[in-house]
């Protein structure tokens, strides 16, 4: 099971990002755990300067926008 972090305040784009990750993971038959990281200190410590951000196993892979389905697929299969 992969652990995916969604960095952001919990805004609409962060919610859409988290749901997209769950949906894509289900379509790929993968189990994921989505952690919503809302602490400004934790977001900055991860190096995310623009939200939403997405991390895979603690490594930031995307920032600044809701990732596309294709981008999420690439994050989950790599």
C-alpha atoms as a PDB file:
ATOM      1  CA  UNK A   1       0.000   0.000   0.000  1.00  0.00           C
ATOM      2  CA  UNK A   2       1.337   3.409  -0.986  1.00  0.00           C
ATOM      3  CA  UNK A   3       0.969   6.405   1.263  1.00  0.00           C
ATOM      4  CA  UNK A   4       0.057   9.577  -0.621  1.00  0.00           C
ATOM      5  CA  UNK A   5       0.236  13.013   0.967  1.00  0.00           C
ATOM      6  CA  UNK A   6      -2.005  15.862  -0.191  1.00  0.00           C
ATOM      7  CA  UNK A   7      -0.512  19.134   1.004  1.00  0.00           C
ATOM      8  CA  UNK A   8      -2.857  22.094   1.383  1.00  0.00           C
ATOM      9  CA  UNK A   9      -5.325  23.956   3.545  1.00  0.00           C
ATOM     10  CA  UNK A  10      -8.256  21.687   2.750  1.00  0.00           C
ATOM     11  CA  UNK A  11      -9.581  23.964   0.014  1.00  0.00           C
ATOM     12  CA  UNK A  12     -11.739  22.717  -2.854  1.00  0.00           C
ATOM     13  CA  UNK A  13      -8.713  21.966  -5.065  1.00  0.00           C
ATOM     14  CA  UNK A  14      -7.144  19.915  -2.261  1.00  0.00           C
ATOM     15  CA  UNK A  15     -10.368  17.943  -1.851  1.00  0.00           C
ATOM     16  CA  UNK A  16     -10.602  17.307  -5.602  1.00  0.00           C
ATOM     17  CA  UNK A  17      -6.954  16.201  -5.643  1.00  0.00           C
ATOM     18  CA  UNK A  18      -7.466  13.728  -2.802  1.00  0.00           C
ATOM     19  CA  UNK A  19     -10.584  12.263  -4.421  1.00  0.00           C
ATOM     20  CA  UNK A  20      -8.878  12.000  -7.812  1.00  0.00           C
ATOM     21  CA  UNK A  21      -6.029  10.031  -6.237  1.00  0.00           C
ATOM     22  CA  UNK A  22      -8.489   7.613  -4.619  1.00  0.00           C
ATOM     23  CA  UNK A  23     -10.460   7.225  -7.865  1.00  0.00           C
ATOM     24  CA  UNK A  24      -7.378   6.600 -10.015  1.00  0.00           C
ATOM     25  CA  UNK A  25      -5.924   4.162  -7.487  1.00  0.00           C
ATOM     26  CA  UNK A  26      -9.183   2.189  -7.496  1.00  0.00           C
ATOM     27  CA  UNK A  27      -9.220   2.101 -11.305  1.00  0.00           C
ATOM     28  CA  UNK A  28      -5.657   0.717 -11.223  1.00  0.00           C
ATOM     29  CA  UNK A  29      -6.543  -1.819  -8.533  1.00  0.00           C
ATOM     30  CA  UNK A  30      -4.139  -0.254  -6.040  1.00  0.00           C
ATOM     31  CA  UNK A  31      -4.596   0.323  -2.343  1.00  0.00           C
ATOM     32  CA  UNK A  32      -3.516   3.779  -1.211  1.00  0.00           C
ATOM     33  CA  UNK A  33      -3.690   5.681   2.018  1.00  0.00           C
ATOM     34  CA  UNK A  34      -4.265   9.409   1.485  1.00  0.00           C
ATOM     35  CA  UNK A  35      -2.909  11.682   4.205  1.00  0.00           C
ATOM     36  CA  UNK A  36      -4.196  15.258   4.193  1.00  0.00           C
ATOM     37  CA  UNK A  37      -1.386  17.502   5.400  1.00  0.00           C
ATOM     38  CA  UNK A  38      -2.875  20.839   6.447  1.00  0.00           C
ATOM     39  CA  UNK A  39      -0.252  22.184   8.860  1.00  0.00           C
ATOM     40  CA  UNK A  40       1.470  25.197   7.299  1.00  0.00           C
ATOM     41  CA  UNK A  41       4.689  24.196   9.034  1.00  0.00           C
ATOM     42  CA  UNK A  42       4.552  20.655   7.584  1.00  0.00           C
ATOM     43  CA  UNK A  43       3.684  21.985   4.123  1.00  0.00           C
ATOM     44  CA  UNK A  44       6.651  24.366   4.154  1.00  0.00           C
ATOM     45  CA  UNK A  45       8.970  21.705   5.594  1.00  0.00           C
ATOM     46  CA  UNK A  46       8.077  19.468   2.634  1.00  0.00           C
ATOM     47  CA  UNK A  47       9.067  22.298   0.291  1.00  0.00           C
ATOM     48  CA  UNK A  48       5.580  22.860  -1.115  1.00  0.00           C
ATOM     49  CA  UNK A  49       5.286  26.538  -2.033  1.00  0.00           C
ATOM     50  CA  UNK A  50       2.050  26.300  -4.013  1.00  0.00           C
ATOM     51  CA  UNK A  51      -0.888  24.082  -3.112  1.00  0.00           C
ATOM     52  CA  UNK A  52      -2.274  21.596  -3.641  1.00  0.00           C
ATOM     53  CA  UNK A  53       0.828  19.494  -3.489  1.00  0.00           C
ATOM     54  CA  UNK A  54       1.074  15.724  -3.814  1.00  0.00           C
ATOM     55  CA  UNK A  55       3.707  13.517  -2.239  1.00  0.00           C
ATOM     56  CA  UNK A  56       4.255   9.806  -2.725  1.00  0.00           C
ATOM     57  CA  UNK A  57       5.831   8.137   0.296  1.00  0.00           C
ATOM     58  CA  UNK A  58       6.969  11.583   1.487  1.00  0.00           C
ATOM     59  CA  UNK A  59       8.560  12.680  -1.801  1.00  0.00           C
ATOM     60  CA  UNK A  60       6.818  15.683  -3.379  1.00  0.00           C
ATOM     61  CA  UNK A  61       5.820  14.821  -6.940  1.00  0.00           C
ATOM     62  CA  UNK A  62       3.414  17.645  -7.911  1.00  0.00           C
ATOM     63  CA  UNK A  63       2.574  21.172  -6.734  1.00  0.00           C
ATOM     64  CA  UNK A  64       0.458  24.140  -7.675  1.00  0.00           C
ATOM     65  CA  UNK A  65      -2.596  22.601  -9.324  1.00  0.00           C
ATOM     66  CA  UNK A  66      -4.983  19.697  -9.317  1.00  0.00           C
ATOM     67  CA  UNK A  67      -3.055  16.927 -11.095  1.00  0.00           C
ATOM     68  CA  UNK A  68      -4.606  15.395 -14.185  1.00  0.00           C
ATOM     69  CA  UNK A  69      -5.724  11.778 -14.217  1.00  0.00           C
ATOM     70  CA  UNK A  70      -2.660  10.963 -16.330  1.00  0.00           C
ATOM     71  CA  UNK A  71      -0.329  12.664 -13.846  1.00  0.00           C
ATOM     72  CA  UNK A  72      -1.868  10.719 -10.952  1.00  0.00           C
ATOM     73  CA  UNK A  73      -1.525   7.470 -12.902  1.00  0.00           C
ATOM     74  CA  UNK A  74       2.157   8.213 -13.504  1.00  0.00           C
ATOM     75  CA  UNK A  75       2.709   8.895  -9.790  1.00  0.00           C
ATOM     76  CA  UNK A  76       1.013   5.684  -8.734  1.00  0.00           C
ATOM     77  CA  UNK A  77       2.692   3.304 -11.189  1.00  0.00           C
ATOM     78  CA  UNK A  78       6.226   4.552 -10.678  1.00  0.00           C
END
